[in-house]
Amino acid sequence: MMKMVIAIVHDKDSARLSDALVEQDFRATKLATTGGFLKEGNTTFMMGIPQERLDDLMDVIQSNCSSRDQMITPISPMGGHADSYIPYPVEVQVGGATVFVLPIEGFHQF
């Protein structure tokens, strides 16, 4: 059975993960994406893989996408509620990976 793996990673982890995927013979399509909360750059990797390689792929993703703490200054809300705005820097966790694994009925390469 085939799986569709969609991995959303921080841009700082993107090149390292891309190199590791090539080294481990995983093919991926890369898309430039933007996160909703921090409005920072992400990279989304889409991969079709056999079920038996899923654990290997997850190991590659986990070992190349580390989370870290970062100080950010929130952008003031335009037209939003000022009472929910935090006017000082806050520490948030960035990086790591968000991974979705979906079953697929067919996989074709032409």
PDB file of N, CA and C in Angstrom:
ATOM      1  N   MET A   1       0.844  -1.181   0.000  1.00  0.00           N
ATOM      2  CA  MET A   1       0.000   0.000   0.000  1.00  0.00           C
ATOM      3  C   MET A   1       0.891   1.248   0.000  1.00  0.00           C
ATOM      4  N   MET A   2       0.463   2.227  -0.745  1.00  0.00           N
ATOM      5  CA  MET A   2       1.210   3.475  -0.852  1.00  0.00           C
ATOM      6  C   MET A   2       0.663   4.508   0.129  1.00  0.00           C
ATOM      7  N   LYS A   3       1.539   5.434   0.516  1.00  0.00           N
ATOM      8  CA  LYS A   3       1.178   6.527   1.406  1.00  0.00           C
ATOM      9  C   LYS A   3       1.593   7.853   0.773  1.00  0.00           C
ATOM     10  N   MET A   4       0.790   8.882   1.012  1.00  0.00           N
ATOM     11  CA  MET A   4       1.149  10.246   0.651  1.00  0.00           C
ATOM     12  C   MET A   4       1.582  10.912   1.943  1.00  0.00           C
ATOM     13  N   VAL A   5       2.823  11.387   1.967  1.00  0.00           N
ATOM     14  CA  VAL A   5       3.351  12.065   3.149  1.00  0.00           C
ATOM     15  C   VAL A   5       3.510  13.536   2.804  1.00  0.00           C
ATOM     16  N   ILE A   6       2.905  14.377   3.616  1.00  0.00           N
ATOM     17  CA  ILE A   6       3.017  15.828   3.459  1.00  0.00           C
ATOM     18  C   ILE A   6       3.702  16.340   4.715  1.00  0.00           C
ATOM     19  N   ALA A   7       4.911  16.874   4.550  1.00  0.00           N
ATOM     20  CA  ALA A   7       5.693  17.362   5.686  1.00  0.00           C
ATOM     21  C   ALA A   7       5.900  18.865   5.540  1.00  0.00           C
ATOM     22  N   ILE A   8       5.464  19.615   6.544  1.00  0.00           N
ATOM     23  CA  ILE A   8       5.622  21.068   6.545  1.00  0.00           C
ATOM     24  C   ILE A   8       6.734  21.389   7.528  1.00  0.00           C
ATOM     25  N   VAL A   9       7.814  21.999   7.009  1.00  0.00           N
ATOM     26  CA  VAL A   9       8.992  22.268   7.837  1.00  0.00           C
ATOM     27  C   VAL A   9       9.388  23.734   7.732  1.00  0.00           C
ATOM     28  N   HIS A  10      10.094  24.218   8.735  1.00  0.00           N
ATOM     29  CA  HIS A  10      10.595  25.598   8.752  1.00  0.00           C
ATOM     30  C   HIS A  10      11.653  25.748   7.658  1.00  0.00           C
ATOM     31  N   ASP A  11      11.706  26.913   7.042  1.00  0.00           N
ATOM     32  CA  ASP A  11      12.684  27.146   5.970  1.00  0.00           C
ATOM     33  C   ASP A  11      14.114  26.858   6.403  1.00  0.00           C
ATOM     34  N   LYS A  12      14.440  27.101   7.676  1.00  0.00           N
ATOM     35  CA  LYS A  12      15.801  26.862   8.143  1.00  0.00           C
ATOM     36  C   LYS A  12      16.167  25.381   8.129  1.00  0.00           C
ATOM     37  N   ASP A  13      15.171  24.501   8.153  1.00  0.00           N
ATOM     38  CA  ASP A  13      15.407  23.057   8.118  1.00  0.00           C
ATOM     39  C   ASP A  13      15.280  22.477   6.719  1.00  0.00           C
ATOM     40  N   SER A  14      14.781  23.267   5.790  1.00  0.00           N
ATOM     41  CA  SER A  14      14.429  22.783   4.458  1.00  0.00           C
ATOM     42  C   SER A  14      15.610  22.198   3.675  1.00  0.00           C
ATOM     43  N   ALA A  15      16.707  22.921   3.600  1.00  0.00           N
ATOM     44  CA  ALA A  15      17.862  22.460   2.812  1.00  0.00           C
ATOM     45  C   ALA A  15      18.459  21.190   3.399  1.00  0.00           C
ATOM     46  N   ARG A  16      18.576  21.142   4.727  1.00  0.00           N
ATOM     47  CA  ARG A  16      19.129  19.963   5.391  1.00  0.00           C
ATOM     48  C   ARG A  16      18.238  18.739   5.143  1.00  0.00           C
ATOM     49  N   LEU A  17      16.912  18.926   5.248  1.00  0.00           N
ATOM     50  CA  LEU A  17      15.993  17.812   5.002  1.00  0.00           C
ATOM     51  C   LEU A  17      16.037  17.390   3.549  1.00  0.00           C
ATOM     52  N   SER A  18      16.070  18.347   2.639  1.00  0.00           N
ATOM     53  CA  SER A  18      16.118  18.030   1.214  1.00  0.00           C
ATOM     54  C   SER A  18      17.343  17.185   0.876  1.00  0.00           C
ATOM     55  N   ASP A  19      18.497  17.564   1.409  1.00  0.00           N
ATOM     56  CA  ASP A  19      19.727  16.795   1.174  1.00  0.00           C
ATOM     57  C   ASP A  19      19.615  15.384   1.753  1.00  0.00           C
ATOM     58  N   ALA A  20      19.040  15.260   2.944  1.00  0.00           N
ATOM     59  CA  ALA A  20      18.894  13.944   3.589  1.00  0.00           C
ATOM     60  C   ALA A  20      17.927  13.063   2.815  1.00  0.00           C
ATOM     61  N   LEU A  21      16.866  13.643   2.267  1.00  0.00           N
ATOM     62  CA  LEU A  21      15.912  12.866   1.480  1.00  0.00           C
ATOM     63  C   LEU A  21      16.575  12.299   0.228  1.00  0.00           C
ATOM     64  N   VAL A  22      17.366  13.125  -0.455  1.00  0.00           N
ATOM     65  CA  VAL A  22      18.074  12.665  -1.653  1.00  0.00           C
ATOM     66  C   VAL A  22      19.058  11.560  -1.277  1.00  0.00           C
ATOM     67  N   GLU A  23      19.786  11.758  -0.180  1.00  0.00           N
ATOM     68  CA  GLU A  23      20.767  10.774   0.274  1.00  0.00           C
ATOM     69  C   GLU A  23      20.122   9.423   0.589  1.00  0.00           C
ATOM     70  N   GLN A  24      18.895   9.452   1.116  1.00  0.00           N
ATOM     71  CA  GLN A  24      18.188   8.217   1.477  1.00  0.00           C
ATOM     72  C   GLN A  24      17.268   7.719   0.357  1.00  0.00           C
ATOM     73  N   ASP A  25      17.399   8.301  -0.825  1.00  0.00           N
ATOM     74  CA  ASP A  25      16.656   7.900  -2.020  1.00  0.00           C
ATOM     75  C   ASP A  25      15.148   8.083  -1.895  1.00  0.00           C
ATOM     76  N   PHE A  26      14.727   9.192  -1.277  1.00  0.00           N
ATOM     77  CA  PHE A  26      13.316   9.575  -1.253  1.00  0.00           C
ATOM     78  C   PHE A  26      13.124  10.700  -2.246  1.00  0.00           C
ATOM     79  N   ARG A  27      12.106  10.606  -3.067  1.00  0.00           N
ATOM     80  CA  ARG A  27      11.785  11.670  -4.015  1.00  0.00           C
ATOM     81  C   ARG A  27      10.701  12.543  -3.412  1.00  0.00           C
ATOM     82  N   ALA A  28      10.840  13.842  -3.601  1.00  0.00           N
ATOM     83  CA  ALA A  28       9.879  14.766  -3.008  1.00  0.00           C
ATOM     84  C   ALA A  28       9.624  15.943  -3.937  1.00  0.00           C
ATOM     85  N   THR A  29       8.436  16.486  -3.833  1.00  0.00           N
ATOM     86  CA  THR A  29       8.093  17.738  -4.477  1.00  0.00           C
ATOM     87  C   THR A  29       8.083  18.795  -3.382  1.00  0.00           C
ATOM     88  N   LYS A  30       8.797  19.898  -3.612  1.00  0.00           N
ATOM     89  CA  LYS A  30       8.900  20.978  -2.624  1.00  0.00           C
ATOM     90  C   LYS A  30       8.032  22.149  -3.045  1.00  0.00           C
ATOM     91  N   LEU A  31       7.305  22.683  -2.076  1.00  0.00           N
ATOM     92  CA  LEU A  31       6.488  23.873  -2.302  1.00  0.00           C
ATOM     93  C   LEU A  31       6.853  24.927  -1.267  1.00  0.00           C
ATOM     94  N   ALA A  32       6.993  26.172  -1.694  1.00  0.00           N
ATOM     95  CA  ALA A  32       7.220  27.264  -0.751  1.00  0.00           C
ATOM     96  C   ALA A  32       5.871  27.650  -0.156  1.00  0.00           C
ATOM     97  N   THR A  33       5.796  27.646   1.180  1.00  0.00           N
ATOM     98  CA  THR A  33       4.548  27.981   1.862  1.00  0.00           C
ATOM     99  C   THR A  33       4.833  28.976   2.982  1.00  0.00           C
ATOM    100  N   THR A  34       3.777  29.550   3.537  1.00  0.00           N
ATOM    101  CA  THR A  34       3.922  30.513   4.624  1.00  0.00           C
ATOM    102  C   THR A  34       3.053  30.084   5.787  1.00  0.00           C
ATOM    103  N   GLY A  35       3.623  30.134   6.985  1.00  0.00           N
ATOM    104  CA  GLY A  35       2.863  29.787   8.179  1.00  0.00           C
ATOM    105  C   GLY A  35       1.836  30.848   8.507  1.00  0.00           C
ATOM    106  N   GLY A  36       0.732  30.439   9.093  1.00  0.00           N
ATOM    107  CA  GLY A  36      -0.344  31.366   9.403  1.00  0.00           C
ATOM    108  C   GLY A  36      -0.102  32.195  10.645  1.00  0.00           C
ATOM    109  N   PHE A  37       0.475  31.612  11.692  1.00  0.00           N
ATOM    110  CA  PHE A  37       0.614  32.319  12.962  1.00  0.00           C
ATOM    111  C   PHE A  37       1.775  33.306  12.934  1.00  0.00           C
ATOM    112  N   LEU A  38       2.959  32.839  12.566  1.00  0.00           N
ATOM    113  CA  LEU A  38       4.139  33.710  12.580  1.00  0.00           C
ATOM    114  C   LEU A  38       4.384  34.402  11.246  1.00  0.00           C
ATOM    115  N   LYS A  39       3.679  33.992  10.226  1.00  0.00           N
ATOM    116  CA  LYS A  39       3.835  34.547   8.880  1.00  0.00           C
ATOM    117  C   LYS A  39       5.262  34.378   8.369  1.00  0.00           C
ATOM    118  N   GLU A  40       5.916  33.284   8.777  1.00  0.00           N
ATOM    119  CA  GLU A  40       7.285  33.002   8.335  1.00  0.00           C
ATOM    120  C   GLU A  40       7.262  31.928   7.257  1.00  0.00           C
ATOM    121  N   GLY A  41       8.377  31.843   6.545  1.00  0.00           N
ATOM    122  CA  GLY A  41       8.481  30.889   5.463  1.00  0.00           C
ATOM    123  C   GLY A  41       8.569  29.454   5.934  1.00  0.00           C
ATOM    124  N   ASN A  42       7.881  28.607   5.226  1.00  0.00           N
ATOM    125  CA  ASN A  42       7.938  27.162   5.428  1.00  0.00           C
ATOM    126  C   ASN A  42       8.206  26.516   4.086  1.00  0.00           C
ATOM    127  N   THR A  43       8.542  25.258   4.124  1.00  0.00           N
ATOM    128  CA  THR A  43       8.626  24.452   2.912  1.00  0.00           C
ATOM    129  C   THR A  43       7.762  23.229   3.140  1.00  0.00           C
ATOM    130  N   THR A  44       6.923  22.921   2.169  1.00  0.00           N
ATOM    131  CA  THR A  44       6.082  21.734   2.244  1.00  0.00           C
ATOM    132  C   THR A  44       6.637  20.701   1.274  1.00  0.00           C
ATOM    133  N   PHE A  45       6.942  19.528   1.805  1.00  0.00           N
ATOM    134  CA  PHE A  45       7.425  18.409   1.001  1.00  0.00           C
ATOM    135  C   PHE A  45       6.273  17.431   0.807  1.00  0.00           C
ATOM    136  N   MET A  46       6.041  17.016  -0.427  1.00  0.00           N
ATOM    137  CA  MET A  46       5.027  15.993  -0.720  1.00  0.00           C
ATOM    138  C   MET A  46       5.737  14.786  -1.302  1.00  0.00           C
ATOM    139  N   MET A  47       5.458  13.607  -0.722  1.00  0.00           N
ATOM    140  CA  MET A  47       6.143  12.387  -1.142  1.00  0.00           C
ATOM    141  C   MET A  47       5.161  11.224  -1.211  1.00  0.00           C
ATOM    142  N   GLY A  48       5.240  10.468  -2.280  1.00  0.00           N
ATOM    143  CA  GLY A  48       4.502   9.214  -2.380  1.00  0.00           C
ATOM    144  C   GLY A  48       5.485   8.089  -2.111  1.00  0.00           C
ATOM    145  N   ILE A  49       5.197   7.261  -1.099  1.00  0.00           N
ATOM    146  CA  ILE A  49       6.139   6.203  -0.718  1.00  0.00           C
ATOM    147  C   ILE A  49       5.389   4.914  -0.394  1.00  0.00           C
ATOM    148  N   PRO A  50       6.077   3.771  -0.512  1.00  0.00           N
ATOM    149  CA  PRO A  50       5.478   2.515  -0.072  1.00  0.00           C
ATOM    150  C   PRO A  50       5.370   2.479   1.454  1.00  0.00           C
ATOM    151  N   GLN A  51       4.354   1.820   1.965  1.00  0.00           N
ATOM    152  CA  GLN A  51       4.125   1.704   3.403  1.00  0.00           C
ATOM    153  C   GLN A  51       5.373   1.232   4.147  1.00  0.00           C
ATOM    154  N   GLU A  52       6.104   0.289   3.571  1.00  0.00           N
ATOM    155  CA  GLU A  52       7.266  -0.280   4.264  1.00  0.00           C
ATOM    156  C   GLU A  52       8.429   0.703   4.443  1.00  0.00           C
ATOM    157  N   ARG A  53       8.409   1.836   3.735  1.00  0.00           N
ATOM    158  CA  ARG A  53       9.465   2.843   3.900  1.00  0.00           C
ATOM    159  C   ARG A  53       9.046   4.001   4.804  1.00  0.00           C
ATOM    160  N   LEU A  54       7.820   3.947   5.316  1.00  0.00           N
ATOM    161  CA  LEU A  54       7.287   5.053   6.107  1.00  0.00           C
ATOM    162  C   LEU A  54       8.117   5.316   7.364  1.00  0.00           C
ATOM    163  N   ASP A  55       8.475   4.290   8.103  1.00  0.00           N
ATOM    164  CA  ASP A  55       9.266   4.499   9.326  1.00  0.00           C
ATOM    165  C   ASP A  55      10.628   5.110   9.018  1.00  0.00           C
ATOM    166  N   ASP A  56      11.253   4.680   7.920  1.00  0.00           N
ATOM    167  CA  ASP A  56      12.545   5.256   7.526  1.00  0.00           C
ATOM    168  C   ASP A  56      12.395   6.741   7.199  1.00  0.00           C
ATOM    169  N   LEU A  57      11.341   7.078   6.478  1.00  0.00           N
ATOM    170  CA  LEU A  57      11.105   8.475   6.123  1.00  0.00           C
ATOM    171  C   LEU A  57      10.855   9.322   7.367  1.00  0.00           C
ATOM    172  N   MET A  58      10.060   8.806   8.283  1.00  0.00           N
ATOM    173  CA  MET A  58       9.779   9.560   9.508  1.00  0.00           C
ATOM    174  C   MET A  58      11.062   9.791  10.309  1.00  0.00           C
ATOM    175  N   ASP A  59      11.966   8.814  10.328  1.00  0.00           N
ATOM    176  CA  ASP A  59      13.250   8.986  11.007  1.00  0.00           C
ATOM    177  C   ASP A  59      14.073  10.095  10.365  1.00  0.00           C
ATOM    178  N   VAL A  60      14.087  10.141   9.025  1.00  0.00           N
ATOM    179  CA  VAL A  60      14.839  11.172   8.304  1.00  0.00           C
ATOM    180  C   VAL A  60      14.265  12.554   8.627  1.00  0.00           C
ATOM    181  N   ILE A  61      12.953  12.676   8.606  1.00  0.00           N
ATOM    182  CA  ILE A  61      12.316  13.958   8.899  1.00  0.00           C
ATOM    183  C   ILE A  61      12.619  14.388  10.331  1.00  0.00           C
ATOM    184  N   GLN A  62      12.436  13.472  11.273  1.00  0.00           N
ATOM    185  CA  GLN A  62      12.647  13.817  12.682  1.00  0.00           C
ATOM    186  C   GLN A  62      14.086  14.200  12.986  1.00  0.00           C
ATOM    187  N   SER A  63      15.037  13.530  12.359  1.00  0.00           N
ATOM    188  CA  SER A  63      16.440  13.829  12.662  1.00  0.00           C
ATOM    189  C   SER A  63      16.950  15.091  11.966  1.00  0.00           C
ATOM    190  N   ASN A  64      16.201  15.630  11.014  1.00  0.00           N
ATOM    191  CA  ASN A  64      16.659  16.817  10.289  1.00  0.00           C
ATOM    192  C   ASN A  64      15.817  18.067  10.512  1.00  0.00           C
ATOM    193  N   CYS A  65      14.770  17.959  11.290  1.00  0.00           N
ATOM    194  CA  CYS A  65      13.891  19.099  11.543  1.00  0.00           C
ATOM    195  C   CYS A  65      13.735  19.280  13.049  1.00  0.00           C
ATOM    196  N   SER A  66      14.541  20.166  13.603  1.00  0.00           N
ATOM    197  CA  SER A  66      14.525  20.358  15.056  1.00  0.00           C
ATOM    198  C   SER A  66      13.709  21.590  15.425  1.00  0.00           C
ATOM    199  N   SER A  67      13.012  21.494  16.547  1.00  0.00           N
ATOM    200  CA  SER A  67      12.286  22.666  17.036  1.00  0.00           C
ATOM    201  C   SER A  67      13.217  23.478  17.928  1.00  0.00           C
ATOM    202  N   ARG A  68      12.963  24.770  18.000  1.00  0.00           N
ATOM    203  CA  ARG A  68      13.784  25.674  18.799  1.00  0.00           C
ATOM    204  C   ARG A  68      12.915  26.838  19.244  1.00  0.00           C
ATOM    205  N   ASP A  69      13.348  27.514  20.293  1.00  0.00           N
ATOM    206  CA  ASP A  69      12.618  28.676  20.793  1.00  0.00           C
ATOM    207  C   ASP A  69      13.133  29.934  20.108  1.00  0.00           C
ATOM    208  N   GLN A  70      12.223  30.868  19.838  1.00  0.00           N
ATOM    209  CA  GLN A  70      12.585  32.108  19.155  1.00  0.00           C
ATOM    210  C   GLN A  70      11.753  33.237  19.748  1.00  0.00           C
ATOM    211  N   MET A  71      12.374  34.381  19.917  1.00  0.00           N
ATOM    212  CA  MET A  71      11.657  35.567  20.395  1.00  0.00           C
ATOM    213  C   MET A  71      11.048  36.283  19.193  1.00  0.00           C
ATOM    214  N   ILE A  72       9.757  36.603  19.287  1.00  0.00           N
ATOM    215  CA  ILE A  72       9.095  37.353  18.216  1.00  0.00           C
ATOM    216  C   ILE A  72       8.348  38.525  18.818  1.00  0.00           C
ATOM    217  N   THR A  73       8.180  39.565  18.017  1.00  0.00           N
ATOM    218  CA  THR A  73       7.339  40.688  18.397  1.00  0.00           C
ATOM    219  C   THR A  73       6.106  40.612  17.523  1.00  0.00           C
ATOM    220  N   PRO A  74       4.952  40.347  18.116  1.00  0.00           N
ATOM    221  CA  PRO A  74       3.733  40.217  17.312  1.00  0.00           C
ATOM    222  C   PRO A  74       3.422  41.487  16.546  1.00  0.00           C
ATOM    223  N   ILE A  75       2.864  41.333  15.377  1.00  0.00           N
ATOM    224  CA  ILE A  75       2.442  42.470  14.551  1.00  0.00           C
ATOM    225  C   ILE A  75       1.115  42.964  15.101  1.00  0.00           C
ATOM    226  N   SER A  76       0.964  44.295  15.187  1.00  0.00           N
ATOM    227  CA  SER A  76      -0.289  44.844  15.724  1.00  0.00           C
ATOM    228  C   SER A  76      -1.445  44.479  14.803  1.00  0.00           C
ATOM    229  N   PRO A  77      -2.601  44.187  15.380  1.00  0.00           N
ATOM    230  CA  PRO A  77      -3.754  43.791  14.560  1.00  0.00           C
ATOM    231  C   PRO A  77      -4.323  44.971  13.784  1.00  0.00           C
ATOM    232  N   MET A  78      -4.534  44.777  12.513  1.00  0.00           N
ATOM    233  CA  MET A  78      -5.166  45.801  11.684  1.00  0.00           C
ATOM    234  C   MET A  78      -6.662  45.516  11.668  1.00  0.00           C
ATOM    235  N   GLY A  79      -7.415  46.352  12.328  1.00  0.00           N
ATOM    236  CA  GLY A  79      -8.859  46.148  12.377  1.00  0.00           C
ATOM    237  C   GLY A  79      -9.269  45.070  13.362  1.00  0.00           C
ATOM    238  N   GLY A  80      -8.305  44.527  14.105  1.00  0.00           N
ATOM    239  CA  GLY A  80      -8.608  43.494  15.088  1.00  0.00           C
ATOM    240  C   GLY A  80      -8.881  44.109  16.441  1.00  0.00           C
ATOM    241  N   HIS A  81      -8.987  43.278  17.423  1.00  0.00           N
ATOM    242  CA  HIS A  81      -9.239  43.738  18.783  1.00  0.00           C
ATOM    243  C   HIS A  81      -7.923  44.088  19.463  1.00  0.00           C
ATOM    244  N   ALA A  82      -7.789  45.327  19.879  1.00  0.00           N
ATOM    245  CA  ALA A  82      -6.558  45.789  20.517  1.00  0.00           C
ATOM    246  C   ALA A  82      -6.345  45.129  21.872  1.00  0.00           C
ATOM    247  N   ASP A  83      -7.421  44.666  22.520  1.00  0.00           N
ATOM    248  CA  ASP A  83      -7.262  44.058  23.833  1.00  0.00           C
ATOM    249  C   ASP A  83      -6.581  42.693  23.769  1.00  0.00           C
ATOM    250  N   SER A  84      -6.546  42.073  22.584  1.00  0.00           N
ATOM    251  CA  SER A  84      -5.872  40.777  22.440  1.00  0.00           C
ATOM    252  C   SER A  84      -4.436  40.930  21.935  1.00  0.00           C
ATOM    253  N   TYR A  85      -4.006  42.141  21.650  1.00  0.00           N
ATOM    254  CA  TYR A  85      -2.665  42.396  21.133  1.00  0.00           C
ATOM    255  C   TYR A  85      -1.643  42.390  22.265  1.00  0.00           C
ATOM    256  N   ILE A  86      -0.545  41.669  22.055  1.00  0.00           N
ATOM    257  CA  ILE A  86       0.550  41.615  23.028  1.00  0.00           C
ATOM    258  C   ILE A  86       1.662  42.520  22.492  1.00  0.00           C
ATOM    259  N   PRO A  87       1.936  43.680  23.116  1.00  0.00           N
ATOM    260  CA  PRO A  87       2.860  44.659  22.553  1.00  0.00           C
ATOM    261  C   PRO A  87       4.337  44.392  22.838  1.00  0.00           C
ATOM    262  N   TYR A  88       4.697  43.264  23.415  1.00  0.00           N
ATOM    263  CA  TYR A  88       6.088  43.000  23.763  1.00  0.00           C
ATOM    264  C   TYR A  88       6.500  41.640  23.194  1.00  0.00           C
ATOM    265  N   PRO A  89       7.810  41.430  23.035  1.00  0.00           N
ATOM    266  CA  PRO A  89       8.276  40.155  22.463  1.00  0.00           C
ATOM    267  C   PRO A  89       7.862  38.967  23.337  1.00  0.00           C
ATOM    268  N   VAL A  90       7.542  37.877  22.665  1.00  0.00           N
ATOM    269  CA  VAL A  90       7.197  36.639  23.355  1.00  0.00           C
ATOM    270  C   VAL A  90       8.037  35.512  22.765  1.00  0.00           C
ATOM    271  N   GLU A  91       8.287  34.495  23.581  1.00  0.00           N
ATOM    272  CA  GLU A  91       9.057  33.342  23.111  1.00  0.00           C
ATOM    273  C   GLU A  91       8.087  32.290  22.592  1.00  0.00           C
ATOM    274  N   VAL A  92       8.339  31.832  21.367  1.00  0.00           N
ATOM    275  CA  VAL A  92       7.510  30.794  20.757  1.00  0.00           C
ATOM    276  C   VAL A  92       8.414  29.685  20.236  1.00  0.00           C
ATOM    277  N   GLN A  93       7.836  28.518  20.075  1.00  0.00           N
ATOM    278  CA  GLN A  93       8.593  27.393  19.526  1.00  0.00           C
ATOM    279  C   GLN A  93       8.407  27.371  18.014  1.00  0.00           C
ATOM    280  N   VAL A  94       9.516  27.317  17.278  1.00  0.00           N
ATOM    281  CA  VAL A  94       9.487  27.252  15.817  1.00  0.00           C
ATOM    282  C   VAL A  94      10.285  26.038  15.377  1.00  0.00           C
ATOM    283  N   GLY A  95      10.155  25.720  14.115  1.00  0.00           N
ATOM    284  CA  GLY A  95      10.906  24.594  13.572  1.00  0.00           C
ATOM    285  C   GLY A  95      10.170  23.296  13.778  1.00  0.00           C
ATOM    286  N   GLY A  96      10.918  22.213  13.717  1.00  0.00           N
ATOM    287  CA  GLY A  96      10.283  20.912  13.794  1.00  0.00           C
ATOM    288  C   GLY A  96       9.570  20.617  12.485  1.00  0.00           C
ATOM    289  N   ALA A  97       8.642  19.711  12.522  1.00  0.00           N
ATOM    290  CA  ALA A  97       7.896  19.351  11.319  1.00  0.00           C
ATOM    291  C   ALA A  97       6.478  18.970  11.701  1.00  0.00           C
ATOM    292  N   THR A  98       5.556  19.320  10.835  1.00  0.00           N
ATOM    293  CA  THR A  98       4.184  18.831  10.930  1.00  0.00           C
ATOM    294  C   THR A  98       4.012  17.878   9.768  1.00  0.00           C
ATOM    295  N   VAL A  99       3.671  16.624  10.066  1.00  0.00           N
ATOM    296  CA  VAL A  99       3.641  15.593   9.037  1.00  0.00           C
ATOM    297  C   VAL A  99       2.254  14.961   8.970  1.00  0.00           C
ATOM    298  N   PHE A 100       1.717  14.892   7.763  1.00  0.00           N
ATOM    299  CA  PHE A 100       0.449  14.220   7.505  1.00  0.00           C
ATOM    300  C   PHE A 100       0.745  12.974   6.681  1.00  0.00           C
ATOM    301  N   VAL A 101       0.138  11.856   7.042  1.00  0.00           N
ATOM    302  CA  VAL A 101       0.295  10.610   6.290  1.00  0.00           C
ATOM    303  C   VAL A 101      -1.095  10.174   5.843  1.00  0.00           C
ATOM    304  N   LEU A 102      -1.254  10.052   4.520  1.00  0.00           N
ATOM    305  CA  LEU A 102      -2.560   9.719   3.948  1.00  0.00           C
ATOM    306  C   LEU A 102      -2.451   8.463   3.084  1.00  0.00           C
ATOM    307  N   PRO A 103      -3.490   7.634   3.095  1.00  0.00           N
ATOM    308  CA  PRO A 103      -3.494   6.479   2.183  1.00  0.00           C
ATOM    309  C   PRO A 103      -3.783   6.964   0.766  1.00  0.00           C
ATOM    310  N   ILE A 104      -3.172   6.337  -0.216  1.00  0.00           N
ATOM    311  CA  ILE A 104      -3.469   6.686  -1.603  1.00  0.00           C
ATOM    312  C   ILE A 104      -3.815   5.414  -2.379  1.00  0.00           C
ATOM    313  N   GLU A 105      -4.706   5.560  -3.317  1.00  0.00           N
ATOM    314  CA  GLU A 105      -5.154   4.412  -4.097  1.00  0.00           C
ATOM    315  C   GLU A 105      -4.259   4.108  -5.279  1.00  0.00           C
ATOM    316  N   GLY A 106      -3.594   5.105  -5.784  1.00  0.00           N
ATOM    317  CA  GLY A 106      -2.722   4.898  -6.936  1.00  0.00           C
ATOM    318  C   GLY A 106      -1.538   5.801  -6.911  1.00  0.00           C
ATOM    319  N   PHE A 107      -0.449   5.342  -7.526  1.00  0.00           N
ATOM    320  CA  PHE A 107       0.795   6.125  -7.594  1.00  0.00           C
ATOM    321  C   PHE A 107       1.417   5.828  -8.952  1.00  0.00           C
ATOM    322  N   HIS A 108       1.561   6.846  -9.760  1.00  0.00           N
ATOM    323  CA  HIS A 108       2.084   6.658 -11.109  1.00  0.00           C
ATOM    324  C   HIS A 108       3.190   7.666 -11.376  1.00  0.00           C
ATOM    325  N   GLN A 109       4.249   7.230 -11.994  1.00  0.00           N
ATOM    326  CA  GLN A 109       5.319   8.132 -12.448  1.00  0.00           C
ATOM    327  C   GLN A 109       5.483   7.912 -13.933  1.00  0.00           C
ATOM    328  N   PHE A 110       5.414   9.000 -14.698  1.00  0.00           N
ATOM    329  CA  PHE A 110       5.546   8.902 -16.151  1.00  0.00           C
ATOM    330  C   PHE A 110       6.782   9.620 -16.617  1.00  0.00           C
TER     331      PHE A 110
END
